[in-house]
């Protein structure tokens, strides 16, 4: 199990996926959310000033499953 876990980590595809998926948390408001330095009032004002909301992105569960399966059984 530890050998396969190391292979998953060393492969890097899951880390790349997480980095891309959560890239929004690298902007100013995202950093404030993560550090706990924002208020609901600030978030409300931010949301009111946003343009059209972006459509939710797929969680890409199938991609993650394929990566793990290819490492575990490939």
C-alpha atoms as a PDB file:
ATOM      1  CA  UNK A   1       0.000   0.000   0.000  1.00  0.00           C
ATOM      2  CA  UNK A   2       2.786   2.427   0.871  1.00  0.00           C
ATOM      3  CA  UNK A   3       4.585   1.728  -2.396  1.00  0.00           C
ATOM      4  CA  UNK A   4       1.433   2.520  -4.406  1.00  0.00           C
ATOM      5  CA  UNK A   5       0.776   5.630  -2.304  1.00  0.00           C
ATOM      6  CA  UNK A   6       4.311   6.814  -3.056  1.00  0.00           C
ATOM      7  CA  UNK A   7       3.756   6.145  -6.768  1.00  0.00           C
ATOM      8  CA  UNK A   8       0.560   8.248  -6.705  1.00  0.00           C
ATOM      9  CA  UNK A   9       2.405  11.121  -5.016  1.00  0.00           C
ATOM     10  CA  UNK A  10       5.424  10.877  -7.315  1.00  0.00           C
ATOM     11  CA  UNK A  11       3.192  10.719 -10.401  1.00  0.00           C
ATOM     12  CA  UNK A  12       2.091  14.317  -9.753  1.00  0.00           C
ATOM     13  CA  UNK A  13      -1.142  14.298 -11.762  1.00  0.00           C
ATOM     14  CA  UNK A  14      -3.371  14.538  -8.706  1.00  0.00           C
ATOM     15  CA  UNK A  15      -1.381  17.474  -7.312  1.00  0.00           C
ATOM     16  CA  UNK A  16      -1.603  19.223 -10.697  1.00  0.00           C
ATOM     17  CA  UNK A  17      -5.350  18.613 -10.770  1.00  0.00           C
ATOM     18  CA  UNK A  18      -5.837  20.045  -7.258  1.00  0.00           C
ATOM     19  CA  UNK A  19      -3.714  23.076  -8.065  1.00  0.00           C
ATOM     20  CA  UNK A  20      -5.768  23.832 -11.171  1.00  0.00           C
ATOM     21  CA  UNK A  21      -9.141  23.130  -9.525  1.00  0.00           C
ATOM     22  CA  UNK A  22      -8.470  25.392  -6.556  1.00  0.00           C
ATOM     23  CA  UNK A  23      -6.530  28.107  -8.411  1.00  0.00           C
ATOM     24  CA  UNK A  24      -9.247  30.639  -7.530  1.00  0.00           C
ATOM     25  CA  UNK A  25      -8.008  30.518  -3.944  1.00  0.00           C
ATOM     26  CA  UNK A  26      -4.760  32.181  -5.048  1.00  0.00           C
ATOM     27  CA  UNK A  27      -6.444  35.516  -5.793  1.00  0.00           C
ATOM     28  CA  UNK A  28      -6.866  38.241  -3.165  1.00  0.00           C
ATOM     29  CA  UNK A  29     -10.286  37.223  -1.833  1.00  0.00           C
ATOM     30  CA  UNK A  30      -9.391  33.535  -1.959  1.00  0.00           C
ATOM     31  CA  UNK A  31      -6.313  34.079   0.199  1.00  0.00           C
ATOM     32  CA  UNK A  32      -8.390  36.055   2.701  1.00  0.00           C
ATOM     33  CA  UNK A  33     -10.951  33.243   2.870  1.00  0.00           C
ATOM     34  CA  UNK A  34      -8.275  30.621   3.470  1.00  0.00           C
ATOM     35  CA  UNK A  35      -6.565  32.669   6.163  1.00  0.00           C
ATOM     36  CA  UNK A  36      -9.849  33.521   7.899  1.00  0.00           C
ATOM     37  CA  UNK A  37      -9.286  37.242   7.387  1.00  0.00           C
ATOM     38  CA  UNK A  38     -12.597  38.035   5.707  1.00  0.00           C
ATOM     39  CA  UNK A  39     -16.109  38.651   6.948  1.00  0.00           C
ATOM     40  CA  UNK A  40     -19.498  37.643   5.636  1.00  0.00           C
ATOM     41  CA  UNK A  41     -20.178  41.303   4.896  1.00  0.00           C
ATOM     42  CA  UNK A  42     -17.031  41.520   2.755  1.00  0.00           C
ATOM     43  CA  UNK A  43     -17.937  38.312   0.940  1.00  0.00           C
ATOM     44  CA  UNK A  44     -21.472  39.587   0.359  1.00  0.00           C
ATOM     45  CA  UNK A  45     -20.149  42.849  -1.118  1.00  0.00           C
ATOM     46  CA  UNK A  46     -17.699  40.898  -3.270  1.00  0.00           C
ATOM     47  CA  UNK A  47     -20.495  38.661  -4.573  1.00  0.00           C
ATOM     48  CA  UNK A  48     -22.751  41.649  -5.317  1.00  0.00           C
ATOM     49  CA  UNK A  49     -19.999  43.275  -7.384  1.00  0.00           C
ATOM     50  CA  UNK A  50     -19.266  40.142  -9.381  1.00  0.00           C
ATOM     51  CA  UNK A  51     -20.396  39.889 -12.934  1.00  0.00           C
ATOM     52  CA  UNK A  52     -22.254  36.837 -14.151  1.00  0.00           C
ATOM     53  CA  UNK A  53     -21.344  33.824 -11.964  1.00  0.00           C
ATOM     54  CA  UNK A  54     -19.232  31.158 -13.567  1.00  0.00           C
ATOM     55  CA  UNK A  55     -20.832  27.801 -14.116  1.00  0.00           C
ATOM     56  CA  UNK A  56     -19.722  25.165 -11.636  1.00  0.00           C
ATOM     57  CA  UNK A  57     -16.960  22.945 -12.943  1.00  0.00           C
ATOM     58  CA  UNK A  58     -17.114  19.198 -12.848  1.00  0.00           C
ATOM     59  CA  UNK A  59     -15.321  17.626  -9.939  1.00  0.00           C
ATOM     60  CA  UNK A  60     -13.753  15.303 -12.504  1.00  0.00           C
ATOM     61  CA  UNK A  61     -14.128  12.297 -10.260  1.00  0.00           C
ATOM     62  CA  UNK A  62     -13.732  10.017 -13.257  1.00  0.00           C
ATOM     63  CA  UNK A  63     -10.343  11.559 -14.082  1.00  0.00           C
ATOM     64  CA  UNK A  64      -9.056  11.029 -10.544  1.00  0.00           C
ATOM     65  CA  UNK A  65     -10.365   7.460 -10.520  1.00  0.00           C
ATOM     66  CA  UNK A  66      -8.631   6.775 -13.847  1.00  0.00           C
ATOM     67  CA  UNK A  67      -5.319   8.153 -12.557  1.00  0.00           C
ATOM     68  CA  UNK A  68      -5.458   6.040  -9.420  1.00  0.00           C
ATOM     69  CA  UNK A  69      -6.581   2.929 -11.295  1.00  0.00           C
ATOM     70  CA  UNK A  70      -3.792   3.305 -13.843  1.00  0.00           C
ATOM     71  CA  UNK A  71      -1.231   3.481 -11.054  1.00  0.00           C
ATOM     72  CA  UNK A  72      -2.760   0.769  -8.902  1.00  0.00           C
ATOM     73  CA  UNK A  73      -3.487  -1.726 -11.682  1.00  0.00           C
ATOM     74  CA  UNK A  74      -1.529  -0.495 -14.693  1.00  0.00           C
END
